[in-house]
Amino acid sequence: VQLVESGGGLAQPGGSLRLSCTASGFTLSSYVMKWYRQAPGKEREWVATFESGATFASYADSVKGRFTISRDNAKNTMYLQMNSLQLDDTAVYYCNAPTWNSWGQGIQVTVSS
């Protein structure tokens, strides 16, 4: 079981980025999948959850209305579309498959003017 993230980088406040999390070793759509982030000097925090087998998703209040989680079953990949980025969205973002206790390697997102 492996999760590999991509798509991070630098964005300006108000800008957008899309993160990808590609799974191997299991069918991503059959399991609950989550995004977390960890800002410098802070604990890792939950960002969003995609429930298995459905389109229902839940979000932390800090990102609700700005971030959208989605999935491409053919690519076995989950996405996090991040719009209206703010300075305090700067963090290392991780995808997580809790059933497998599997984490991605983390990917840096920096929001700066």
PDB file of N, CA and C in Angstrom:
ATOM      1  N   VAL A   1       0.853  -1.183   0.000  1.00  0.00           N
ATOM      2  CA  VAL A   1       0.000   0.000   0.000  1.00  0.00           C
ATOM      3  C   VAL A   1       0.888   1.232   0.000  1.00  0.00           C
ATOM      4  N   GLN A   2       0.616   2.115  -0.939  1.00  0.00           N
ATOM      5  CA  GLN A   2       1.437   3.323  -1.040  1.00  0.00           C
ATOM      6  C   GLN A   2       0.578   4.487  -1.507  1.00  0.00           C
ATOM      7  N   LEU A   3       0.862   5.653  -0.952  1.00  0.00           N
ATOM      8  CA  LEU A   3       0.210   6.897  -1.370  1.00  0.00           C
ATOM      9  C   LEU A   3       1.295   7.861  -1.810  1.00  0.00           C
ATOM     10  N   VAL A   4       1.120   8.469  -2.975  1.00  0.00           N
ATOM     11  CA  VAL A   4       2.096   9.419  -3.497  1.00  0.00           C
ATOM     12  C   VAL A   4       1.387  10.716  -3.857  1.00  0.00           C
ATOM     13  N   GLU A   5       1.825  11.803  -3.239  1.00  0.00           N
ATOM     14  CA  GLU A   5       1.222  13.113  -3.476  1.00  0.00           C
ATOM     15  C   GLU A   5       2.019  13.883  -4.518  1.00  0.00           C
ATOM     16  N   SER A   6       1.321  14.766  -5.191  1.00  0.00           N
ATOM     17  CA  SER A   6       1.970  15.669  -6.138  1.00  0.00           C
ATOM     18  C   SER A   6       1.130  16.927  -6.267  1.00  0.00           C
ATOM     19  N   GLY A   7       1.730  17.948  -6.887  1.00  0.00           N
ATOM     20  CA  GLY A   7       0.961  19.139  -7.217  1.00  0.00           C
ATOM     21  C   GLY A   7       1.146  20.332  -6.303  1.00  0.00           C
ATOM     22  N   GLY A   8       1.948  20.213  -5.288  1.00  0.00           N
ATOM     23  CA  GLY A   8       2.153  21.347  -4.404  1.00  0.00           C
ATOM     24  C   GLY A   8       2.999  22.426  -5.050  1.00  0.00           C
ATOM     25  N   GLY A   9       3.351  23.424  -4.275  1.00  0.00           N
ATOM     26  CA  GLY A   9       4.184  24.493  -4.802  1.00  0.00           C
ATOM     27  C   GLY A   9       3.853  25.826  -4.173  1.00  0.00           C
ATOM     28  N   LEU A  10       4.126  26.866  -4.915  1.00  0.00           N
ATOM     29  CA  LEU A  10       3.965  28.237  -4.445  1.00  0.00           C
ATOM     30  C   LEU A  10       2.763  28.886  -5.113  1.00  0.00           C
ATOM     31  N   ALA A  11       1.956  29.558  -4.323  1.00  0.00           N
ATOM     32  CA  ALA A  11       0.818  30.287  -4.856  1.00  0.00           C
ATOM     33  C   ALA A  11       0.704  31.630  -4.148  1.00  0.00           C
ATOM     34  N   GLN A  12       0.106  32.577  -4.803  1.00  0.00           N
ATOM     35  CA  GLN A  12      -0.152  33.880  -4.192  1.00  0.00           C
ATOM     36  C   GLN A  12      -1.461  33.828  -3.419  1.00  0.00           C
ATOM     37  N   PRO A  13      -1.628  34.682  -2.431  1.00  0.00           N
ATOM     38  CA  PRO A  13      -2.935  34.771  -1.748  1.00  0.00           C
ATOM     39  C   PRO A  13      -4.050  34.995  -2.763  1.00  0.00           C
ATOM     40  N   GLY A  14      -5.111  34.233  -2.605  1.00  0.00           N
ATOM     41  CA  GLY A  14      -6.211  34.286  -3.556  1.00  0.00           C
ATOM     42  C   GLY A  14      -6.071  33.328  -4.711  1.00  0.00           C
ATOM     43  N   GLY A  15      -4.907  32.716  -4.830  1.00  0.00           N
ATOM     44  CA  GLY A  15      -4.659  31.793  -5.924  1.00  0.00           C
ATOM     45  C   GLY A  15      -5.178  30.392  -5.649  1.00  0.00           C
ATOM     46  N   SER A  16      -4.825  29.488  -6.562  1.00  0.00           N
ATOM     47  CA  SER A  16      -5.307  28.108  -6.486  1.00  0.00           C
ATOM     48  C   SER A  16      -4.176  27.123  -6.734  1.00  0.00           C
ATOM     49  N   LEU A  17      -4.331  25.966  -6.140  1.00  0.00           N
ATOM     50  CA  LEU A  17      -3.465  24.817  -6.412  1.00  0.00           C
ATOM     51  C   LEU A  17      -4.324  23.563  -6.329  1.00  0.00           C
ATOM     52  N   ARG A  18      -3.895  22.519  -7.019  1.00  0.00           N
ATOM     53  CA  ARG A  18      -4.562  21.233  -6.898  1.00  0.00           C
ATOM     54  C   ARG A  18      -3.550  20.165  -6.510  1.00  0.00           C
ATOM     55  N   LEU A  19      -3.831  19.491  -5.427  1.00  0.00           N
ATOM     56  CA  LEU A  19      -2.998  18.384  -4.966  1.00  0.00           C
ATOM     57  C   LEU A  19      -3.588  17.070  -5.459  1.00  0.00           C
ATOM     58  N   SER A  20      -2.705  16.125  -5.748  1.00  0.00           N
ATOM     59  CA  SER A  20      -3.114  14.780  -6.143  1.00  0.00           C
ATOM     60  C   SER A  20      -2.543  13.768  -5.163  1.00  0.00           C
ATOM     61  N   CYS A  21      -3.278  12.698  -4.971  1.00  0.00           N
ATOM     62  CA  CYS A  21      -2.820  11.588  -4.131  1.00  0.00           C
ATOM     63  C   CYS A  21      -3.159  10.304  -4.888  1.00  0.00           C
ATOM     64  N   THR A  22      -2.137   9.642  -5.390  1.00  0.00           N
ATOM     65  CA  THR A  22      -2.330   8.415  -6.154  1.00  0.00           C
ATOM     66  C   THR A  22      -2.025   7.214  -5.284  1.00  0.00           C
ATOM     67  N   ALA A  23      -2.966   6.293  -5.253  1.00  0.00           N
ATOM     68  CA  ALA A  23      -2.838   5.110  -4.415  1.00  0.00           C
ATOM     69  C   ALA A  23      -2.399   3.906  -5.232  1.00  0.00           C
ATOM     70  N   SER A  24      -1.651   3.044  -4.590  1.00  0.00           N
ATOM     71  CA  SER A  24      -1.306   1.752  -5.180  1.00  0.00           C
ATOM     72  C   SER A  24      -1.455   0.687  -4.101  1.00  0.00           C
ATOM     73  N   GLY A  25      -1.843  -0.498  -4.528  1.00  0.00           N
ATOM     74  CA  GLY A  25      -1.999  -1.593  -3.574  1.00  0.00           C
ATOM     75  C   GLY A  25      -3.406  -1.777  -3.041  1.00  0.00           C
ATOM     76  N   PHE A  26      -4.276  -0.822  -3.321  1.00  0.00           N
ATOM     77  CA  PHE A  26      -5.676  -0.928  -2.919  1.00  0.00           C
ATOM     78  C   PHE A  26      -6.501   0.001  -3.807  1.00  0.00           C
ATOM     79  N   THR A  27      -7.816  -0.242  -3.816  1.00  0.00           N
ATOM     80  CA  THR A  27      -8.724   0.583  -4.610  1.00  0.00           C
ATOM     81  C   THR A  27      -9.202   1.747  -3.760  1.00  0.00           C
ATOM     82  N   LEU A  28      -8.738   2.921  -4.113  1.00  0.00           N
ATOM     83  CA  LEU A  28      -8.955   4.118  -3.294  1.00  0.00           C
ATOM     84  C   LEU A  28     -10.441   4.387  -3.055  1.00  0.00           C
ATOM     85  N   SER A  29     -11.275   4.159  -4.051  1.00  0.00           N
ATOM     86  CA  SER A  29     -12.698   4.492  -3.940  1.00  0.00           C
ATOM     87  C   SER A  29     -13.444   3.605  -2.938  1.00  0.00           C
ATOM     88  N   SER A  30     -12.846   2.510  -2.532  1.00  0.00           N
ATOM     89  CA  SER A  30     -13.506   1.588  -1.609  1.00  0.00           C
ATOM     90  C   SER A  30     -13.255   1.930  -0.146  1.00  0.00           C
ATOM     91  N   TYR A  31     -12.483   2.944   0.093  1.00  0.00           N
ATOM     92  CA  TYR A  31     -12.073   3.248   1.466  1.00  0.00           C
ATOM     93  C   TYR A  31     -12.217   4.748   1.754  1.00  0.00           C
ATOM     94  N   VAL A  32     -12.386   5.042   3.034  1.00  0.00           N
ATOM     95  CA  VAL A  32     -12.344   6.420   3.477  1.00  0.00           C
ATOM     96  C   VAL A  32     -10.939   6.973   3.230  1.00  0.00           C
ATOM     97  N   MET A  33     -10.890   8.168   2.689  1.00  0.00           N
ATOM     98  CA  MET A  33      -9.609   8.836   2.434  1.00  0.00           C
ATOM     99  C   MET A  33      -9.654  10.224   3.052  1.00  0.00           C
ATOM    100  N   LYS A  34      -8.509  10.675   3.540  1.00  0.00           N
ATOM    101  CA  LYS A  34      -8.451  11.963   4.232  1.00  0.00           C
ATOM    102  C   LYS A  34      -7.264  12.794   3.749  1.00  0.00           C
ATOM    103  N   TRP A  35      -7.378  14.091   3.919  1.00  0.00           N
ATOM    104  CA  TRP A  35      -6.267  15.027   3.769  1.00  0.00           C
ATOM    105  C   TRP A  35      -5.995  15.665   5.128  1.00  0.00           C
ATOM    106  N   TYR A  36      -4.730  15.813   5.435  1.00  0.00           N
ATOM    107  CA  TYR A  36      -4.272  16.522   6.621  1.00  0.00           C
ATOM    108  C   TYR A  36      -3.226  17.549   6.189  1.00  0.00           C
ATOM    109  N   ARG A  37      -2.914  18.441   7.100  1.00  0.00           N
ATOM    110  CA  ARG A  37      -1.810  19.368   6.851  1.00  0.00           C
ATOM    111  C   ARG A  37      -1.099  19.688   8.159  1.00  0.00           C
ATOM    112  N   GLN A  38       0.149  20.093   8.028  1.00  0.00           N
ATOM    113  CA  GLN A  38       0.944  20.471   9.198  1.00  0.00           C
ATOM    114  C   GLN A  38       1.734  21.720   8.862  1.00  0.00           C
ATOM    115  N   ALA A  39       1.381  22.798   9.549  1.00  0.00           N
ATOM    116  CA  ALA A  39       2.080  24.065   9.369  1.00  0.00           C
ATOM    117  C   ALA A  39       3.307  24.092  10.274  1.00  0.00           C
ATOM    118  N   PRO A  40       4.289  24.921   9.946  1.00  0.00           N
ATOM    119  CA  PRO A  40       5.503  24.994  10.765  1.00  0.00           C
ATOM    120  C   PRO A  40       5.181  25.310  12.217  1.00  0.00           C
ATOM    121  N   GLY A  41       5.711  24.502  13.123  1.00  0.00           N
ATOM    122  CA  GLY A  41       5.525  24.727  14.537  1.00  0.00           C
ATOM    123  C   GLY A  41       4.168  24.346  15.076  1.00  0.00           C
ATOM    124  N   LYS A  42       3.336  23.726  14.246  1.00  0.00           N
ATOM    125  CA  LYS A  42       1.991  23.352  14.678  1.00  0.00           C
ATOM    126  C   LYS A  42       1.782  21.849  14.527  1.00  0.00           C
ATOM    127  N   GLU A  43       0.746  21.355  15.199  1.00  0.00           N
ATOM    128  CA  GLU A  43       0.414  19.946  15.074  1.00  0.00           C
ATOM    129  C   GLU A  43      -0.299  19.684  13.741  1.00  0.00           C
ATOM    130  N   ARG A  44      -0.223  18.438  13.321  1.00  0.00           N
ATOM    131  CA  ARG A  44      -0.938  18.045  12.105  1.00  0.00           C
ATOM    132  C   ARG A  44      -2.438  18.186  12.348  1.00  0.00           C
ATOM    133  N   GLU A  45      -3.142  18.752  11.367  1.00  0.00           N
ATOM    134  CA  GLU A  45      -4.581  18.946  11.515  1.00  0.00           C
ATOM    135  C   GLU A  45      -5.331  18.346  10.348  1.00  0.00           C
ATOM    136  N   TRP A  46      -6.515  17.889  10.628  1.00  0.00           N
ATOM    137  CA  TRP A  46      -7.387  17.310   9.607  1.00  0.00           C
ATOM    138  C   TRP A  46      -7.926  18.414   8.701  1.00  0.00           C
ATOM    139  N   VAL A  47      -7.986  18.130   7.400  1.00  0.00           N
ATOM    140  CA  VAL A  47      -8.478  19.087   6.421  1.00  0.00           C
ATOM    141  C   VAL A  47      -9.795  18.632   5.794  1.00  0.00           C
ATOM    142  N   ALA A  48      -9.842  17.378   5.324  1.00  0.00           N
ATOM    143  CA  ALA A  48     -11.033  16.917   4.614  1.00  0.00           C
ATOM    144  C   ALA A  48     -11.085  15.401   4.610  1.00  0.00           C
ATOM    145  N   THR A  49     -12.287  14.876   4.477  1.00  0.00           N
ATOM    146  CA  THR A  49     -12.528  13.441   4.380  1.00  0.00           C
ATOM    147  C   THR A  49     -13.424  13.148   3.196  1.00  0.00           C
ATOM    148  N   PHE A  50     -13.077  12.093   2.458  1.00  0.00           N
ATOM    149  CA  PHE A  50     -13.932  11.602   1.382  1.00  0.00           C
ATOM    150  C   PHE A  50     -14.407  10.220   1.807  1.00  0.00           C
ATOM    151  N   GLU A  51     -15.734  10.065   1.977  1.00  0.00           N
ATOM    152  CA  GLU A  51     -16.281   8.801   2.401  1.00  0.00           C
ATOM    153  C   GLU A  51     -16.200   7.786   1.269  1.00  0.00           C
ATOM    154  N   SER A  52     -16.019   6.538   1.606  1.00  0.00           N
ATOM    155  CA  SER A  52     -15.877   5.493   0.606  1.00  0.00           C
ATOM    156  C   SER A  52     -17.179   5.277  -0.149  1.00  0.00           C
ATOM    157  N   GLY A  53     -17.056   4.982  -1.444  1.00  0.00           N
ATOM    158  CA  GLY A  53     -18.193   4.597  -2.253  1.00  0.00           C
ATOM    159  C   GLY A  53     -19.248   5.646  -2.453  1.00  0.00           C
ATOM    160  N   ALA A  54     -18.975   6.875  -2.087  1.00  0.00           N
ATOM    161  CA  ALA A  54     -19.979   7.924  -2.197  1.00  0.00           C
ATOM    162  C   ALA A  54     -19.311   9.226  -2.593  1.00  0.00           C
ATOM    163  N   THR A  55     -20.118  10.231  -2.814  1.00  0.00           N
ATOM    164  CA  THR A  55     -19.554  11.536  -3.146  1.00  0.00           C
ATOM    165  C   THR A  55     -19.543  12.466  -1.946  1.00  0.00           C
ATOM    166  N   PHE A  56     -19.977  11.947  -0.777  1.00  0.00           N
ATOM    167  CA  PHE A  56     -20.048  12.805   0.395  1.00  0.00           C
ATOM    168  C   PHE A  56     -18.650  13.130   0.902  1.00  0.00           C
ATOM    169  N   ALA A  57     -18.435  14.398   1.202  1.00  0.00           N
ATOM    170  CA  ALA A  57     -17.161  14.837   1.751  1.00  0.00           C
ATOM    171  C   ALA A  57     -17.416  15.791   2.900  1.00  0.00           C
ATOM    172  N   SER A  58     -16.479  15.858   3.816  1.00  0.00           N
ATOM    173  CA  SER A  58     -16.566  16.801   4.928  1.00  0.00           C
ATOM    174  C   SER A  58     -15.268  17.573   5.017  1.00  0.00           C
ATOM    175  N   TYR A  59     -15.366  18.784   5.552  1.00  0.00           N
ATOM    176  CA  TYR A  59     -14.237  19.700   5.558  1.00  0.00           C
ATOM    177  C   TYR A  59     -14.081  20.377   6.902  1.00  0.00           C
ATOM    178  N   ALA A  60     -12.842  20.694   7.226  1.00  0.00           N
ATOM    179  CA  ALA A  60     -12.584  21.540   8.390  1.00  0.00           C
ATOM    180  C   ALA A  60     -13.169  22.925   8.123  1.00  0.00           C
ATOM    181  N   ASP A  61     -13.608  23.581   9.197  1.00  0.00           N
ATOM    182  CA  ASP A  61     -14.210  24.909   9.037  1.00  0.00           C
ATOM    183  C   ASP A  61     -13.252  25.892   8.365  1.00  0.00           C
ATOM    184  N   SER A  62     -11.962  25.722   8.617  1.00  0.00           N
ATOM    185  CA  SER A  62     -10.968  26.655   8.089  1.00  0.00           C
ATOM    186  C   SER A  62     -10.855  26.606   6.568  1.00  0.00           C
ATOM    187  N   VAL A  63     -11.309  25.518   5.950  1.00  0.00           N
ATOM    188  CA  VAL A  63     -11.177  25.384   4.496  1.00  0.00           C
ATOM    189  C   VAL A  63     -12.518  25.251   3.789  1.00  0.00           C
ATOM    190  N   LYS A  64     -13.586  25.145   4.549  1.00  0.00           N
ATOM    191  CA  LYS A  64     -14.909  24.930   3.966  1.00  0.00           C
ATOM    192  C   LYS A  64     -15.264  26.063   3.017  1.00  0.00           C
ATOM    193  N   GLY A  65     -15.757  25.697   1.848  1.00  0.00           N
ATOM    194  CA  GLY A  65     -16.111  26.682   0.838  1.00  0.00           C
ATOM    195  C   GLY A  65     -14.956  27.084  -0.067  1.00  0.00           C
ATOM    196  N   ARG A  66     -13.742  26.705   0.305  1.00  0.00           N
ATOM    197  CA  ARG A  66     -12.565  27.049  -0.508  1.00  0.00           C
ATOM    198  C   ARG A  66     -11.893  25.815  -1.085  1.00  0.00           C
ATOM    199  N   PHE A  67     -11.912  24.724  -0.350  1.00  0.00           N
ATOM    200  CA  PHE A  67     -11.267  23.486  -0.788  1.00  0.00           C
ATOM    201  C   PHE A  67     -12.337  22.477  -1.201  1.00  0.00           C
ATOM    202  N   THR A  68     -12.008  21.674  -2.217  1.00  0.00           N
ATOM    203  CA  THR A  68     -12.920  20.628  -2.682  1.00  0.00           C
ATOM    204  C   THR A  68     -12.138  19.344  -2.903  1.00  0.00           C
ATOM    205  N   ILE A  69     -12.648  18.274  -2.335  1.00  0.00           N
ATOM    206  CA  ILE A  69     -12.028  16.961  -2.491  1.00  0.00           C
ATOM    207  C   ILE A  69     -12.779  16.212  -3.583  1.00  0.00           C
ATOM    208  N   SER A  70     -12.050  15.492  -4.415  1.00  0.00           N
ATOM    209  CA  SER A  70     -12.676  14.725  -5.487  1.00  0.00           C
ATOM    210  C   SER A  70     -11.833  13.483  -5.764  1.00  0.00           C
ATOM    211  N   ARG A  71     -12.333  12.678  -6.694  1.00  0.00           N
ATOM    212  CA  ARG A  71     -11.686  11.381  -6.922  1.00  0.00           C
ATOM    213  C   ARG A  71     -11.837  10.998  -8.392  1.00  0.00           C
ATOM    214  N   ASP A  72     -10.796  10.401  -8.951  1.00  0.00           N
ATOM    215  CA  ASP A  72     -10.844   9.813 -10.290  1.00  0.00           C
ATOM    216  C   ASP A  72     -10.598   8.327 -10.126  1.00  0.00           C
ATOM    217  N   ASN A  73     -11.655   7.548 -10.190  1.00  0.00           N
ATOM    218  CA  ASN A  73     -11.524   6.120  -9.923  1.00  0.00           C
ATOM    219  C   ASN A  73     -10.653   5.424 -10.963  1.00  0.00           C
ATOM    220  N   ALA A  74     -10.716   5.885 -12.203  1.00  0.00           N
ATOM    221  CA  ALA A  74      -9.917   5.250 -13.257  1.00  0.00           C
ATOM    222  C   ALA A  74      -8.428   5.409 -12.995  1.00  0.00           C
ATOM    223  N   LYS A  75      -8.059   6.524 -12.349  1.00  0.00           N
ATOM    224  CA  LYS A  75      -6.642   6.783 -12.056  1.00  0.00           C
ATOM    225  C   LYS A  75      -6.279   6.386 -10.634  1.00  0.00           C
ATOM    226  N   ASN A  76      -7.276   5.914  -9.866  1.00  0.00           N
ATOM    227  CA  ASN A  76      -7.045   5.560  -8.466  1.00  0.00           C
ATOM    228  C   ASN A  76      -6.394   6.726  -7.721  1.00  0.00           C
ATOM    229  N   THR A  77      -6.927   7.900  -7.969  1.00  0.00           N
ATOM    230  CA  THR A  77      -6.331   9.139  -7.474  1.00  0.00           C
ATOM    231  C   THR A  77      -7.390  10.024  -6.824  1.00  0.00           C
ATOM    232  N   MET A  78      -6.998  10.650  -5.737  1.00  0.00           N
ATOM    233  CA  MET A  78      -7.823  11.626  -5.034  1.00  0.00           C
ATOM    234  C   MET A  78      -7.191  13.002  -5.213  1.00  0.00           C
ATOM    235  N   TYR A  79      -8.034  14.024  -5.263  1.00  0.00           N
ATOM    236  CA  TYR A  79      -7.544  15.377  -5.462  1.00  0.00           C
ATOM    237  C   TYR A  79      -8.026  16.287  -4.344  1.00  0.00           C
ATOM    238  N   LEU A  80      -7.277  17.350  -4.121  1.00  0.00           N
ATOM    239  CA  LEU A  80      -7.713  18.428  -3.241  1.00  0.00           C
ATOM    240  C   LEU A  80      -7.533  19.724  -4.020  1.00  0.00           C
ATOM    241  N   GLN A  81      -8.643  20.279  -4.488  1.00  0.00           N
ATOM    242  CA  GLN A  81      -8.621  21.556  -5.177  1.00  0.00           C
ATOM    243  C   GLN A  81      -8.683  22.658  -4.134  1.00  0.00           C
ATOM    244  N   MET A  82      -7.693  23.511  -4.131  1.00  0.00           N
ATOM    245  CA  MET A  82      -7.586  24.563  -3.122  1.00  0.00           C
ATOM    246  C   MET A  82      -7.706  25.914  -3.817  1.00  0.00           C
ATOM    247  N   ASN A  83      -8.775  26.608  -3.536  1.00  0.00           N
ATOM    248  CA  ASN A  83      -9.013  27.925  -4.116  1.00  0.00           C
ATOM    249  C   ASN A  83      -8.976  28.991  -3.026  1.00  0.00           C
ATOM    250  N   SER A  84      -8.888  30.228  -3.447  1.00  0.00           N
ATOM    251  CA  SER A  84      -8.865  31.361  -2.511  1.00  0.00           C
ATOM    252  C   SER A  84      -7.855  31.118  -1.396  1.00  0.00           C
ATOM    253  N   LEU A  85      -6.677  30.708  -1.794  1.00  0.00           N
ATOM    254  CA  LEU A  85      -5.645  30.364  -0.812  1.00  0.00           C
ATOM    255  C   LEU A  85      -5.291  31.558   0.056  1.00  0.00           C
ATOM    256  N   GLN A  86      -5.008  31.241   1.324  1.00  0.00           N
ATOM    257  CA  GLN A  86      -4.649  32.251   2.316  1.00  0.00           C
ATOM    258  C   GLN A  86      -3.249  31.950   2.854  1.00  0.00           C
ATOM    259  N   LEU A  87      -2.648  32.953   3.454  1.00  0.00           N
ATOM    260  CA  LEU A  87      -1.286  32.766   3.979  1.00  0.00           C
ATOM    261  C   LEU A  87      -1.218  31.596   4.955  1.00  0.00           C
ATOM    262  N   ASP A  88      -2.266  31.440   5.772  1.00  0.00           N
ATOM    263  CA  ASP A  88      -2.202  30.374   6.774  1.00  0.00           C
ATOM    264  C   ASP A  88      -2.602  29.008   6.226  1.00  0.00           C
ATOM    265  N   ASP A  89      -2.735  28.907   4.914  1.00  0.00           N
ATOM    266  CA  ASP A  89      -2.850  27.581   4.283  1.00  0.00           C
ATOM    267  C   ASP A  89      -1.472  26.979   4.038  1.00  0.00           C
ATOM    268  N   THR A  90      -0.431  27.755   4.264  1.00  0.00           N
ATOM    269  CA  THR A  90       0.930  27.266   4.096  1.00  0.00           C
ATOM    270  C   THR A  90       1.183  26.110   5.045  1.00  0.00           C
ATOM    271  N   ALA A  91       1.558  24.969   4.490  1.00  0.00           N
ATOM    272  CA  ALA A  91       1.752  23.762   5.288  1.00  0.00           C
ATOM    273  C   ALA A  91       2.262  22.645   4.393  1.00  0.00           C
ATOM    274  N   VAL A  92       2.676  21.574   5.037  1.00  0.00           N
ATOM    275  CA  VAL A  92       2.908  20.322   4.318  1.00  0.00           C
ATOM    276  C   VAL A  92       1.592  19.546   4.360  1.00  0.00           C
ATOM    277  N   TYR A  93       1.128  19.134   3.209  1.00  0.00           N
ATOM    278  CA  TYR A  93      -0.150  18.439   3.093  1.00  0.00           C
ATOM    279  C   TYR A  93       0.099  16.942   2.903  1.00  0.00           C
ATOM    280  N   TYR A  94      -0.728  16.148   3.589  1.00  0.00           N
ATOM    281  CA  TYR A  94      -0.595  14.698   3.554  1.00  0.00           C
ATOM    282  C   TYR A  94      -1.940  14.061   3.189  1.00  0.00           C
ATOM    283  N   CYS A  95      -1.899  13.049   2.351  1.00  0.00           N
ATOM    284  CA  CYS A  95      -3.095  12.232   2.193  1.00  0.00           C
ATOM    285  C   CYS A  95      -2.951  10.997   3.078  1.00  0.00           C
ATOM    286  N   ASN A  96      -4.084  10.464   3.474  1.00  0.00           N
ATOM    287  CA  ASN A  96      -4.114   9.391   4.463  1.00  0.00           C
ATOM    288  C   ASN A  96      -5.206   8.389   4.127  1.00  0.00           C
ATOM    289  N   ALA A  97      -4.865   7.121   4.248  1.00  0.00           N
ATOM    290  CA  ALA A  97      -5.838   6.042   4.130  1.00  0.00           C
ATOM    291  C   ALA A  97      -5.901   5.378   5.498  1.00  0.00           C
ATOM    292  N   PRO A  98      -6.838   5.783   6.347  1.00  0.00           N
ATOM    293  CA  PRO A  98      -6.836   5.307   7.735  1.00  0.00           C
ATOM    294  C   PRO A  98      -7.018   3.805   7.880  1.00  0.00           C
ATOM    295  N   THR A  99      -7.761   3.206   6.967  1.00  0.00           N
ATOM    296  CA  THR A  99      -7.952   1.745   7.059  1.00  0.00           C
ATOM    297  C   THR A  99      -6.622   1.013   6.963  1.00  0.00           C
ATOM    298  N   TRP A 100      -5.736   1.561   6.141  1.00  0.00           N
ATOM    299  CA  TRP A 100      -4.434   0.937   5.910  1.00  0.00           C
ATOM    300  C   TRP A 100      -3.334   1.559   6.770  1.00  0.00           C
ATOM    301  N   ASN A 101      -3.695   2.549   7.563  1.00  0.00           N
ATOM    302  CA  ASN A 101      -2.708   3.301   8.347  1.00  0.00           C
ATOM    303  C   ASN A 101      -1.564   3.766   7.451  1.00  0.00           C
ATOM    304  N   SER A 102      -1.943   4.270   6.291  1.00  0.00           N
ATOM    305  CA  SER A 102      -0.950   4.664   5.297  1.00  0.00           C
ATOM    306  C   SER A 102      -0.998   6.164   5.073  1.00  0.00           C
ATOM    307  N   TRP A 103       0.183   6.769   4.978  1.00  0.00           N
ATOM    308  CA  TRP A 103       0.325   8.194   4.751  1.00  0.00           C
ATOM    309  C   TRP A 103       1.177   8.431   3.519  1.00  0.00           C
ATOM    310  N   GLY A 104       0.868   9.497   2.815  1.00  0.00           N
ATOM    311  CA  GLY A 104       1.745   9.932   1.755  1.00  0.00           C
ATOM    312  C   GLY A 104       2.992  10.566   2.325  1.00  0.00           C
ATOM    313  N   GLN A 105       3.907  10.915   1.432  1.00  0.00           N
ATOM    314  CA  GLN A 105       5.192  11.470   1.859  1.00  0.00           C
ATOM    315  C   GLN A 105       5.086  12.922   2.294  1.00  0.00           C
ATOM    316  N   GLY A 106       3.971  13.554   1.977  1.00  0.00           N
ATOM    317  CA  GLY A 106       3.800  14.968   2.281  1.00  0.00           C
ATOM    318  C   GLY A 106       4.272  15.831   1.128  1.00  0.00           C
ATOM    319  N   ILE A 107       3.566  16.933   0.918  1.00  0.00           N
ATOM    320  CA  ILE A 107       3.942  17.845  -0.150  1.00  0.00           C
ATOM    321  C   ILE A 107       3.752  19.282   0.335  1.00  0.00           C
ATOM    322  N   GLN A 108       4.716  20.114   0.012  1.00  0.00           N
ATOM    323  CA  GLN A 108       4.726  21.486   0.519  1.00  0.00           C
ATOM    324  C   GLN A 108       3.803  22.374  -0.306  1.00  0.00           C
ATOM    325  N   VAL A 109       2.985  23.139   0.398  1.00  0.00           N
ATOM    326  CA  VAL A 109       2.186  24.205  -0.191  1.00  0.00           C
ATOM    327  C   VAL A 109       2.572  25.498   0.513  1.00  0.00           C
ATOM    328  N   THR A 110       3.010  26.465  -0.262  1.00  0.00           N
ATOM    329  CA  THR A 110       3.412  27.754   0.288  1.00  0.00           C
ATOM    330  C   THR A 110       2.582  28.851  -0.355  1.00  0.00           C
ATOM    331  N   VAL A 111       1.927  29.626   0.484  1.00  0.00           N
ATOM    332  CA  VAL A 111       1.135  30.763   0.002  1.00  0.00           C
ATOM    333  C   VAL A 111       1.854  32.028   0.449  1.00  0.00           C
ATOM    334  N   SER A 112       2.277  32.793  -0.533  1.00  0.00           N
ATOM    335  CA  SER A 112       3.086  33.978  -0.221  1.00  0.00           C
ATOM    336  C   SER A 112       2.937  34.999  -1.338  1.00  0.00           C
ATOM    337  N   SER A 113       2.974  36.272  -0.954  1.00  0.00           N
ATOM    338  CA  SER A 113       2.941  37.329  -1.945  1.00  0.00           C
ATOM    339  C   SER A 113       4.347  37.775  -2.314  1.00  0.00           C
TER     340      SER A 113
END
